[in-house]
Amino acid sequence: MTKNYANYLLLISILISGSILLQMIWYIYSLTSNFDIRFNLFQACQQLFEMFGVPFLEYILLAFVTFTLLHLLWFCMIQIKKLHNLRTKITGLTCSELSREWNSRFQTNRIHVIQCEQPFAITVGFTKPQIVLTTGLWDILSDEEIESVIYHEFHHSYQFDPMKTFMMELFAKVLWFLPILKWLAQQFSIVQEVLADNYAIDKSGQRLHISSALLKMINSKQVQHPASFVSFADGSVNYRIQNMIEPNTSSKIKWPLVNSAASLSIFTLLSLVFSKLLHY
């Protein structure tokens, strides 16, 4: 697994989702402003319904597009609110002494240790992601294991993974009728966690500490979190353990070739049919 592979997954998701969402926005705009666009899948669907004399389907189509766009806005607002509430809690629960100590060790200002018995480590934020550790980590991990966890989270921070994760989750949930987006989000989560583990291994010089930290933390209860941050022990566990035991085998993730080919064929066929309809 490489950084290029992760970027490839992200790019595909953005292209697919962006094309659909932009067409939805243009479709709504054309209805409200009487602006005629040459080709739009949703406008073509509307004309197809008119041609066959089923106008009630036009209202269903409009409701579907409107609901999708409103769902997009609602999801963004909910995540922003959760992120704001989380930052407020972090500020109120910050353990200043431990935060200063570990920031000094890594010569950074991105580490925040908060008072909480539940052990977890997360990276949160979009523009300058911050690393949040709980004091519960010190109850189950050694200092060497905590250092490996911090290196893992630093990789997420440097790569802006919270923002990328948010985008992938947003597309997968809002455009639920495109299953390939959910698959892309799942694979992206796996890749970003494995890459972060590899970064921690490179920095610490061994696999023992990051692997033992992972095993200890997956046995602890993990908090539910919004899509705007990434957690150390969140998902991809089987791939991550396999990567630590046999590094060369973790990259063998199979693409759903049959589903992808079928989806692409259906999308292309519909596009050709709808484009012909627009000329009648």
C-alpha atoms as a PDB file:
ATOM      1  CA  MET A   1       0.000   0.000   0.000  1.00  0.00           C
ATOM      2  CA  THR A   2       1.337   3.413  -0.962  1.00  0.00           C
ATOM      3  CA  LYS A   3       0.367   7.029  -0.565  1.00  0.00           C
ATOM      4  CA  ASN A   4      -0.365   7.146  -4.307  1.00  0.00           C
ATOM      5  CA  TYR A   5      -2.854   4.307  -3.906  1.00  0.00           C
ATOM      6  CA  ALA A   6      -4.648   6.205  -1.128  1.00  0.00           C
ATOM      7  CA  ASN A   7      -4.759   9.350  -3.283  1.00  0.00           C
ATOM      8  CA  TYR A   8      -6.051   7.256  -6.174  1.00  0.00           C
ATOM      9  CA  LEU A   9      -8.981   6.024  -4.071  1.00  0.00           C
ATOM     10  CA  LEU A  10      -9.732   9.559  -2.915  1.00  0.00           C
ATOM     11  CA  LEU A  11      -9.576  10.954  -6.458  1.00  0.00           C
ATOM     12  CA  ILE A  12     -11.965   8.334  -7.832  1.00  0.00           C
ATOM     13  CA  SER A  13     -14.439   9.054  -5.051  1.00  0.00           C
ATOM     14  CA  ILE A  14     -14.245  12.806  -5.665  1.00  0.00           C
ATOM     15  CA  LEU A  15     -14.716  12.435  -9.431  1.00  0.00           C
ATOM     16  CA  ILE A  16     -17.720  10.127  -9.138  1.00  0.00           C
ATOM     17  CA  SER A  17     -19.395  12.058  -6.330  1.00  0.00           C
ATOM     18  CA  GLY A  18     -18.550  15.471  -7.742  1.00  0.00           C
ATOM     19  CA  SER A  19     -20.038  14.667 -11.137  1.00  0.00           C
ATOM     20  CA  ILE A  20     -23.308  13.429  -9.597  1.00  0.00           C
ATOM     21  CA  LEU A  21     -23.650  16.257  -7.075  1.00  0.00           C
ATOM     22  CA  LEU A  22     -22.849  18.946  -9.645  1.00  0.00           C
ATOM     23  CA  GLN A  23     -25.496  17.556 -11.984  1.00  0.00           C
ATOM     24  CA  MET A  24     -28.005  17.611  -9.131  1.00  0.00           C
ATOM     25  CA  ILE A  25     -27.165  21.221  -8.332  1.00  0.00           C
ATOM     26  CA  TRP A  26     -27.418  22.234 -12.002  1.00  0.00           C
ATOM     27  CA  TYR A  27     -30.718  20.383 -12.296  1.00  0.00           C
ATOM     28  CA  ILE A  28     -32.243  22.302  -9.376  1.00  0.00           C
ATOM     29  CA  TYR A  29     -30.799  25.553 -10.728  1.00  0.00           C
ATOM     30  CA  SER A  30     -32.286  24.922 -14.171  1.00  0.00           C
ATOM     31  CA  LEU A  31     -35.740  24.411 -12.633  1.00  0.00           C
ATOM     32  CA  THR A  32     -35.608  27.591 -10.574  1.00  0.00           C
ATOM     33  CA  SER A  33     -34.067  29.860 -13.202  1.00  0.00           C
ATOM     34  CA  ASN A  34     -35.368  28.340 -16.463  1.00  0.00           C
ATOM     35  CA  PHE A  35     -31.747  27.897 -17.480  1.00  0.00           C
ATOM     36  CA  ASP A  36     -31.424  25.310 -20.246  1.00  0.00           C
ATOM     37  CA  ILE A  37     -28.455  22.978 -19.931  1.00  0.00           C
ATOM     38  CA  ARG A  38     -27.433  20.788 -22.841  1.00  0.00           C
ATOM     39  CA  PHE A  39     -27.000  17.544 -20.984  1.00  0.00           C
ATOM     40  CA  ASN A  40     -27.907  16.513 -17.483  1.00  0.00           C
ATOM     41  CA  LEU A  41     -28.875  13.012 -16.356  1.00  0.00           C
ATOM     42  CA  PHE A  42     -31.625  14.245 -14.057  1.00  0.00           C
ATOM     43  CA  GLN A  43     -33.071  16.597 -16.650  1.00  0.00           C
ATOM     44  CA  ALA A  44     -32.979  13.744 -19.141  1.00  0.00           C
ATOM     45  CA  CYS A  45     -34.876  11.567 -16.647  1.00  0.00           C
ATOM     46  CA  GLN A  46     -37.488  14.293 -16.321  1.00  0.00           C
ATOM     47  CA  GLN A  47     -37.918  14.487 -20.098  1.00  0.00           C
ATOM     48  CA  LEU A  48     -38.167  10.701 -20.244  1.00  0.00           C
ATOM     49  CA  PHE A  49     -41.001  10.744 -17.703  1.00  0.00           C
ATOM     50  CA  GLU A  50     -42.765  13.466 -19.689  1.00  0.00           C
ATOM     51  CA  MET A  51     -42.393  11.436 -22.881  1.00  0.00           C
ATOM     52  CA  PHE A  52     -44.064   8.398 -21.329  1.00  0.00           C
ATOM     53  CA  GLY A  53     -46.773  10.452 -19.652  1.00  0.00           C
ATOM     54  CA  VAL A  54     -45.856   9.725 -16.022  1.00  0.00           C
ATOM     55  CA  PRO A  55     -45.542  13.233 -14.556  1.00  0.00           C
ATOM     56  CA  PHE A  56     -45.798  12.009 -10.956  1.00  0.00           C
ATOM     57  CA  LEU A  57     -42.340  10.463 -11.376  1.00  0.00           C
ATOM     58  CA  GLU A  58     -41.008  13.961 -12.063  1.00  0.00           C
ATOM     59  CA  TYR A  59     -42.026  14.965  -8.542  1.00  0.00           C
ATOM     60  CA  ILE A  60     -40.403  11.841  -7.122  1.00  0.00           C
ATOM     61  CA  LEU A  61     -37.212  12.680  -9.013  1.00  0.00           C
ATOM     62  CA  LEU A  62     -37.283  16.277  -7.757  1.00  0.00           C
ATOM     63  CA  ALA A  63     -37.890  15.098  -4.195  1.00  0.00           C
ATOM     64  CA  PHE A  64     -35.019  12.626  -4.482  1.00  0.00           C
ATOM     65  CA  VAL A  65     -32.565  15.235  -5.754  1.00  0.00           C
ATOM     66  CA  THR A  66     -33.702  17.801  -3.172  1.00  0.00           C
ATOM     67  CA  PHE A  67     -33.453  15.277  -0.339  1.00  0.00           C
ATOM     68  CA  THR A  68     -29.930  14.276  -1.409  1.00  0.00           C
ATOM     69  CA  LEU A  69     -28.690  17.867  -1.446  1.00  0.00           C
ATOM     70  CA  LEU A  70     -30.367  18.640   1.887  1.00  0.00           C
ATOM     71  CA  HIS A  71     -28.825  15.466   3.318  1.00  0.00           C
ATOM     72  CA  LEU A  72     -25.453  16.745   2.145  1.00  0.00           C
ATOM     73  CA  LEU A  73     -25.918  20.041   3.990  1.00  0.00           C
ATOM     74  CA  TRP A  74     -27.320  18.320   7.089  1.00  0.00           C
ATOM     75  CA  PHE A  75     -24.397  15.887   7.276  1.00  0.00           C
ATOM     76  CA  CYS A  76     -21.895  18.737   7.004  1.00  0.00           C
ATOM     77  CA  MET A  77     -23.658  20.784   9.674  1.00  0.00           C
ATOM     78  CA  ILE A  78     -23.861  17.830  12.081  1.00  0.00           C
ATOM     79  CA  GLN A  79     -20.180  17.011  11.657  1.00  0.00           C
ATOM     80  CA  ILE A  80     -19.139  20.640  12.121  1.00  0.00           C
ATOM     81  CA  LYS A  81     -21.252  20.836  15.288  1.00  0.00           C
ATOM     82  CA  LYS A  82     -19.729  17.605  16.645  1.00  0.00           C
ATOM     83  CA  LEU A  83     -16.247  18.879  15.858  1.00  0.00           C
ATOM     84  CA  HIS A  84     -16.959  22.156  17.661  1.00  0.00           C
ATOM     85  CA  ASN A  85     -18.332  20.311  20.721  1.00  0.00           C
ATOM     86  CA  LEU A  86     -15.311  18.020  20.739  1.00  0.00           C
ATOM     87  CA  ARG A  87     -12.885  20.931  20.661  1.00  0.00           C
ATOM     88  CA  THR A  88     -14.754  22.554  23.548  1.00  0.00           C
ATOM     89  CA  LYS A  89     -14.480  19.360  25.600  1.00  0.00           C
ATOM     90  CA  ILE A  90     -10.782  19.020  24.762  1.00  0.00           C
ATOM     91  CA  THR A  91     -10.131  22.554  25.992  1.00  0.00           C
ATOM     92  CA  GLY A  92     -11.953  21.900  29.247  1.00  0.00           C
ATOM     93  CA  LEU A  93     -10.326  18.534  29.940  1.00  0.00           C
ATOM     94  CA  THR A  94      -6.752  19.281  28.884  1.00  0.00           C
ATOM     95  CA  CYS A  95      -4.061  17.966  31.210  1.00  0.00           C
ATOM     96  CA  SER A  96      -1.519  20.770  30.889  1.00  0.00           C
ATOM     97  CA  GLU A  97       1.455  19.038  32.488  1.00  0.00           C
ATOM     98  CA  LEU A  98       1.321  15.888  30.349  1.00  0.00           C
ATOM     99  CA  SER A  99       0.567  17.920  27.238  1.00  0.00           C
ATOM    100  CA  ARG A 100       3.641  20.096  27.760  1.00  0.00           C
ATOM    101  CA  GLU A 101       5.818  17.052  28.477  1.00  0.00           C
ATOM    102  CA  TRP A 102       4.885  15.157  25.343  1.00  0.00           C
ATOM    103  CA  ASN A 103       4.866  18.248  23.123  1.00  0.00           C
ATOM    104  CA  SER A 104       8.393  18.891  24.368  1.00  0.00           C
ATOM    105  CA  ARG A 105       9.442  15.321  23.529  1.00  0.00           C
ATOM    106  CA  PHE A 106       8.230  15.643  19.945  1.00  0.00           C
ATOM    107  CA  GLN A 107       8.989  19.369  19.582  1.00  0.00           C
ATOM    108  CA  THR A 108       5.475  20.208  18.490  1.00  0.00           C
ATOM    109  CA  ASN A 109       2.331  21.900  19.736  1.00  0.00           C
ATOM    110  CA  ARG A 110      -0.173  19.469  18.245  1.00  0.00           C
ATOM    111  CA  ILE A 111      -0.442  17.020  21.139  1.00  0.00           C
ATOM    112  CA  HIS A 112      -3.290  17.429  23.645  1.00  0.00           C
ATOM    113  CA  VAL A 113      -3.608  15.067  26.606  1.00  0.00           C
ATOM    114  CA  ILE A 114      -7.061  15.142  28.175  1.00  0.00           C
ATOM    115  CA  GLN A 115      -8.313  13.736  31.472  1.00  0.00           C
ATOM    116  CA  CYS A 116     -10.338  10.626  30.609  1.00  0.00           C
ATOM    117  CA  GLU A 117     -10.223   7.065  31.941  1.00  0.00           C
ATOM    118  CA  GLN A 118     -11.155   5.567  28.587  1.00  0.00           C
ATOM    119  CA  PRO A 119      -7.978   4.967  26.551  1.00  0.00           C
ATOM    120  CA  PHE A 120      -8.059   6.292  23.006  1.00  0.00           C
ATOM    121  CA  ALA A 121      -5.998   8.352  20.595  1.00  0.00           C
ATOM    122  CA  ILE A 122      -7.464  10.447  17.786  1.00  0.00           C
ATOM    123  CA  THR A 123      -6.459  13.050  15.237  1.00  0.00           C
ATOM    124  CA  VAL A 124      -8.999  15.815  14.820  1.00  0.00           C
ATOM    125  CA  GLY A 125      -9.309  18.937  12.674  1.00  0.00           C
ATOM    126  CA  PHE A 126      -9.206  19.924   9.023  1.00  0.00           C
ATOM    127  CA  THR A 127      -6.681  22.718   8.456  1.00  0.00           C
ATOM    128  CA  LYS A 128      -4.182  21.829  11.221  1.00  0.00           C
ATOM    129  CA  PRO A 129      -5.139  18.444  12.660  1.00  0.00           C
ATOM    130  CA  GLN A 130      -4.413  18.003  16.362  1.00  0.00           C
ATOM    131  CA  ILE A 131      -3.528  14.797  18.211  1.00  0.00           C
ATOM    132  CA  VAL A 132      -5.691  14.018  21.238  1.00  0.00           C
ATOM    133  CA  LEU A 133      -4.637  11.407  23.791  1.00  0.00           C
ATOM    134  CA  THR A 134      -6.441  10.419  26.967  1.00  0.00           C
ATOM    135  CA  THR A 135      -4.797   9.810  30.331  1.00  0.00           C
ATOM    136  CA  GLY A 136      -6.298   6.314  30.176  1.00  0.00           C
ATOM    137  CA  LEU A 137      -3.578   5.392  27.683  1.00  0.00           C
ATOM    138  CA  TRP A 138      -0.958   5.615  30.428  1.00  0.00           C
ATOM    139  CA  ASP A 139      -2.867   2.939  32.374  1.00  0.00           C
ATOM    140  CA  ILE A 140      -2.491   0.289  29.652  1.00  0.00           C
ATOM    141  CA  LEU A 141       0.475   1.350  27.487  1.00  0.00           C
ATOM    142  CA  SER A 142       4.163   1.836  28.134  1.00  0.00           C
ATOM    143  CA  ASP A 143       5.916   5.067  27.156  1.00  0.00           C
ATOM    144  CA  GLU A 144       7.424   3.313  24.125  1.00  0.00           C
ATOM    145  CA  GLU A 145       3.975   2.167  22.990  1.00  0.00           C
ATOM    146  CA  ILE A 146       2.560   5.661  23.498  1.00  0.00           C
ATOM    147  CA  GLU A 147       5.378   7.079  21.372  1.00  0.00           C
ATOM    148  CA  SER A 148       4.463   4.668  18.569  1.00  0.00           C
ATOM    149  CA  VAL A 149       0.806   5.678  18.857  1.00  0.00           C
ATOM    150  CA  ILE A 150       1.786   9.349  18.614  1.00  0.00           C
ATOM    151  CA  TYR A 151       3.899   8.675  15.512  1.00  0.00           C
ATOM    152  CA  HIS A 152       0.871   6.906  14.028  1.00  0.00           C
ATOM    153  CA  GLU A 153      -1.318   9.915  14.737  1.00  0.00           C
ATOM    154  CA  PHE A 154       1.321  12.300  13.400  1.00  0.00           C
ATOM    155  CA  HIS A 155       1.053  10.599  10.025  1.00  0.00           C
ATOM    156  CA  HIS A 156      -2.712  11.201  10.041  1.00  0.00           C
ATOM    157  CA  SER A 157      -2.060  14.819  10.965  1.00  0.00           C
ATOM    158  CA  TYR A 158       0.569  15.424   8.284  1.00  0.00           C
ATOM    159  CA  GLN A 159      -1.597  13.808   5.589  1.00  0.00           C
ATOM    160  CA  PHE A 160      -4.778  15.679   6.611  1.00  0.00           C
ATOM    161  CA  ASP A 161      -6.544  12.345   7.024  1.00  0.00           C
ATOM    162  CA  PRO A 162      -9.439  13.725   9.130  1.00  0.00           C
ATOM    163  CA  MET A 163     -10.513  15.962   6.236  1.00  0.00           C
ATOM    164  CA  LYS A 164     -10.078  13.153   3.691  1.00  0.00           C
ATOM    165  CA  THR A 165     -12.011  10.730   5.887  1.00  0.00           C
ATOM    166  CA  PHE A 166     -14.795  13.267   6.266  1.00  0.00           C
ATOM    167  CA  MET A 167     -15.072  13.640   2.483  1.00  0.00           C
ATOM    168  CA  MET A 168     -15.121   9.886   1.865  1.00  0.00           C
ATOM    169  CA  GLU A 169     -17.751   9.315   4.558  1.00  0.00           C
ATOM    170  CA  LEU A 170     -19.806  12.228   3.256  1.00  0.00           C
ATOM    171  CA  PHE A 171     -19.906  10.872  -0.291  1.00  0.00           C
ATOM    172  CA  ALA A 172     -20.625   7.308   0.841  1.00  0.00           C
ATOM    173  CA  LYS A 173     -23.541   8.286   3.089  1.00  0.00           C
ATOM    174  CA  VAL A 174     -25.128  11.003   0.966  1.00  0.00           C
ATOM    175  CA  LEU A 175     -24.818   9.095  -2.307  1.00  0.00           C
ATOM    176  CA  TRP A 176     -25.786   5.771  -0.756  1.00  0.00           C
ATOM    177  CA  PHE A 177     -27.266   4.586  -4.068  1.00  0.00           C
ATOM    178  CA  LEU A 178     -23.704   4.290  -5.456  1.00  0.00           C
ATOM    179  CA  PRO A 179     -22.278   1.297  -3.522  1.00  0.00           C
ATOM    180  CA  ILE A 180     -18.818   1.779  -5.030  1.00  0.00           C
ATOM    181  CA  LEU A 181     -18.417   4.891  -2.844  1.00  0.00           C
ATOM    182  CA  LYS A 182     -18.880   2.873   0.342  1.00  0.00           C
ATOM    183  CA  TRP A 183     -16.289   0.383  -0.874  1.00  0.00           C
ATOM    184  CA  LEU A 184     -13.864   3.210  -1.698  1.00  0.00           C
ATOM    185  CA  ALA A 185     -14.343   4.706   1.775  1.00  0.00           C
ATOM    186  CA  GLN A 186     -13.686   1.341   3.424  1.00  0.00           C
ATOM    187  CA  GLN A 187     -10.549   0.721   1.380  1.00  0.00           C
ATOM    188  CA  PHE A 188      -9.296   4.251   2.024  1.00  0.00           C
ATOM    189  CA  SER A 189      -9.707   3.699   5.765  1.00  0.00           C
ATOM    190  CA  ILE A 190      -7.662   0.508   5.546  1.00  0.00           C
ATOM    191  CA  VAL A 191      -4.903   2.126   3.502  1.00  0.00           C
ATOM    192  CA  GLN A 192      -4.555   5.232   5.681  1.00  0.00           C
ATOM    193  CA  GLU A 193      -4.318   3.119   8.841  1.00  0.00           C
ATOM    194  CA  VAL A 194      -1.701   0.783   7.366  1.00  0.00           C
ATOM    195  CA  LEU A 195       0.336   3.731   6.086  1.00  0.00           C
ATOM    196  CA  ALA A 196       0.181   5.361   9.530  1.00  0.00           C
ATOM    197  CA  ASP A 197       1.325   2.115  11.131  1.00  0.00           C
ATOM    198  CA  ASN A 198       4.239   1.885   8.678  1.00  0.00           C
ATOM    199  CA  TYR A 199       5.206   5.473   9.486  1.00  0.00           C
ATOM    200  CA  ALA A 200       5.209   4.663  13.213  1.00  0.00           C
ATOM    201  CA  ILE A 201       7.317   1.557  12.569  1.00  0.00           C
ATOM    202  CA  ASP A 202       9.831   3.565  10.522  1.00  0.00           C
ATOM    203  CA  LYS A 203      10.100   6.240  13.199  1.00  0.00           C
ATOM    204  CA  SER A 204      10.340   3.902  16.180  1.00  0.00           C
ATOM    205  CA  GLY A 205      12.556   1.386  14.387  1.00  0.00           C
ATOM    206  CA  GLN A 206      10.506  -1.692  15.344  1.00  0.00           C
ATOM    207  CA  ARG A 207       7.066  -3.278  15.026  1.00  0.00           C
ATOM    208  CA  LEU A 208       6.694  -4.543  18.582  1.00  0.00           C
ATOM    209  CA  HIS A 209       5.473  -1.343  20.239  1.00  0.00           C
ATOM    210  CA  ILE A 210       2.878  -0.325  17.630  1.00  0.00           C
ATOM    211  CA  SER A 211       1.529  -3.888  17.361  1.00  0.00           C
ATOM    212  CA  SER A 212       1.266  -4.364  21.125  1.00  0.00           C
ATOM    213  CA  ALA A 213      -0.399  -0.950  21.480  1.00  0.00           C
ATOM    214  CA  LEU A 214      -2.935  -1.888  18.805  1.00  0.00           C
ATOM    215  CA  LEU A 215      -3.770  -5.209  20.462  1.00  0.00           C
ATOM    216  CA  LYS A 216      -4.214  -3.576  23.864  1.00  0.00           C
ATOM    217  CA  MET A 217      -6.427  -0.791  22.536  1.00  0.00           C
ATOM    218  CA  ILE A 218      -8.737  -2.951  20.452  1.00  0.00           C
ATOM    219  CA  ASN A 219      -9.546  -4.778  23.679  1.00  0.00           C
ATOM    220  CA  SER A 220     -10.659  -1.512  25.257  1.00  0.00           C
ATOM    221  CA  LYS A 221     -14.016   0.088  24.509  1.00  0.00           C
ATOM    222  CA  GLN A 222     -13.787   2.643  21.726  1.00  0.00           C
ATOM    223  CA  VAL A 223     -15.943   5.751  21.630  1.00  0.00           C
ATOM    224  CA  GLN A 224     -18.205   6.473  18.689  1.00  0.00           C
ATOM    225  CA  HIS A 225     -16.900   9.392  16.686  1.00  0.00           C
ATOM    226  CA  PRO A 226     -17.916  11.728  13.885  1.00  0.00           C
ATOM    227  CA  ALA A 227     -16.410  11.425  10.422  1.00  0.00           C
ATOM    228  CA  SER A 228     -14.223  14.462  11.021  1.00  0.00           C
ATOM    229  CA  PHE A 229     -11.458  12.629  12.859  1.00  0.00           C
ATOM    230  CA  VAL A 230      -9.575   9.340  12.766  1.00  0.00           C
ATOM    231  CA  SER A 231      -8.946   7.015  15.684  1.00  0.00           C
ATOM    232  CA  PHE A 232      -5.910   4.835  16.350  1.00  0.00           C
ATOM    233  CA  ALA A 233      -7.854   1.615  17.020  1.00  0.00           C
ATOM    234  CA  ASP A 234     -10.714   2.265  14.626  1.00  0.00           C
ATOM    235  CA  GLY A 235     -11.340  -0.489  12.083  1.00  0.00           C
ATOM    236  CA  SER A 236      -8.977  -2.178   9.583  1.00  0.00           C
ATOM    237  CA  VAL A 237      -7.630  -4.308  12.423  1.00  0.00           C
ATOM    238  CA  ASN A 238      -7.193  -7.529  10.424  1.00  0.00           C
ATOM    239  CA  TYR A 239      -5.282  -5.790   7.641  1.00  0.00           C
ATOM    240  CA  ARG A 240      -3.138  -3.885  10.111  1.00  0.00           C
ATOM    241  CA  ILE A 241      -2.178  -6.997  12.062  1.00  0.00           C
ATOM    242  CA  GLN A 242      -1.439  -8.804   8.804  1.00  0.00           C
ATOM    243  CA  ASN A 243       0.700  -5.877   7.687  1.00  0.00           C
ATOM    244  CA  MET A 244       2.744  -6.076  10.882  1.00  0.00           C
ATOM    245  CA  ILE A 245       3.244  -9.834  10.572  1.00  0.00           C
ATOM    246  CA  GLU A 246       3.699 -10.038   6.808  1.00  0.00           C
ATOM    247  CA  PRO A 247       4.260  -6.541   5.364  1.00  0.00           C
ATOM    248  CA  ASN A 248       4.266  -7.657   1.726  1.00  0.00           C
ATOM    249  CA  THR A 249       0.816  -9.255   1.830  1.00  0.00           C
ATOM    250  CA  SER A 250      -1.236  -6.300   3.114  1.00  0.00           C
ATOM    251  CA  SER A 251      -1.223  -4.557  -0.260  1.00  0.00           C
ATOM    252  CA  LYS A 252      -3.238  -7.311  -1.926  1.00  0.00           C
ATOM    253  CA  ILE A 253      -6.636  -5.648  -1.807  1.00  0.00           C
ATOM    254  CA  LYS A 254      -8.846  -6.843  -4.634  1.00  0.00           C
ATOM    255  CA  TRP A 255     -10.931  -4.352  -6.536  1.00  0.00           C
ATOM    256  CA  PRO A 256     -14.583  -5.339  -7.116  1.00  0.00           C
ATOM    257  CA  LEU A 257     -13.929  -5.646 -10.846  1.00  0.00           C
ATOM    258  CA  VAL A 258     -17.287  -7.193 -11.731  1.00  0.00           C
ATOM    259  CA  ASN A 259     -19.328  -4.616  -9.813  1.00  0.00           C
ATOM    260  CA  SER A 260     -17.180  -1.753 -11.089  1.00  0.00           C
ATOM    261  CA  ALA A 261     -17.453  -2.898 -14.698  1.00  0.00           C
ATOM    262  CA  ALA A 262     -21.213  -3.414 -14.376  1.00  0.00           C
ATOM    263  CA  SER A 263     -21.716   0.012 -12.780  1.00  0.00           C
ATOM    264  CA  LEU A 264     -19.610   1.722 -15.425  1.00  0.00           C
ATOM    265  CA  SER A 265     -21.455  -0.085 -18.245  1.00  0.00           C
ATOM    266  CA  ILE A 266     -24.889   0.817 -16.884  1.00  0.00           C
ATOM    267  CA  PHE A 267     -23.864   4.447 -16.299  1.00  0.00           C
ATOM    268  CA  THR A 268     -22.446   4.729 -19.831  1.00  0.00           C
ATOM    269  CA  LEU A 269     -25.526   3.116 -21.383  1.00  0.00           C
ATOM    270  CA  LEU A 270     -27.901   5.411 -19.514  1.00  0.00           C
ATOM    271  CA  SER A 271     -25.837   8.430 -20.479  1.00  0.00           C
ATOM    272  CA  LEU A 272     -26.003   7.505 -24.185  1.00  0.00           C
ATOM    273  CA  VAL A 273     -29.732   6.820 -24.039  1.00  0.00           C
ATOM    274  CA  PHE A 274     -30.490  10.054 -22.197  1.00  0.00           C
ATOM    275  CA  SER A 275     -28.304  12.087 -24.519  1.00  0.00           C
ATOM    276  CA  LYS A 276     -30.315  10.756 -27.472  1.00  0.00           C
ATOM    277  CA  LEU A 277     -33.576  11.593 -25.721  1.00  0.00           C
ATOM    278  CA  LEU A 278     -32.541  15.222 -25.419  1.00  0.00           C
ATOM    279  CA  HIS A 279     -32.544  15.543 -29.225  1.00  0.00           C
ATOM    280  CA  TYR A 280     -36.203  14.522 -29.613  1.00  0.00           C
END
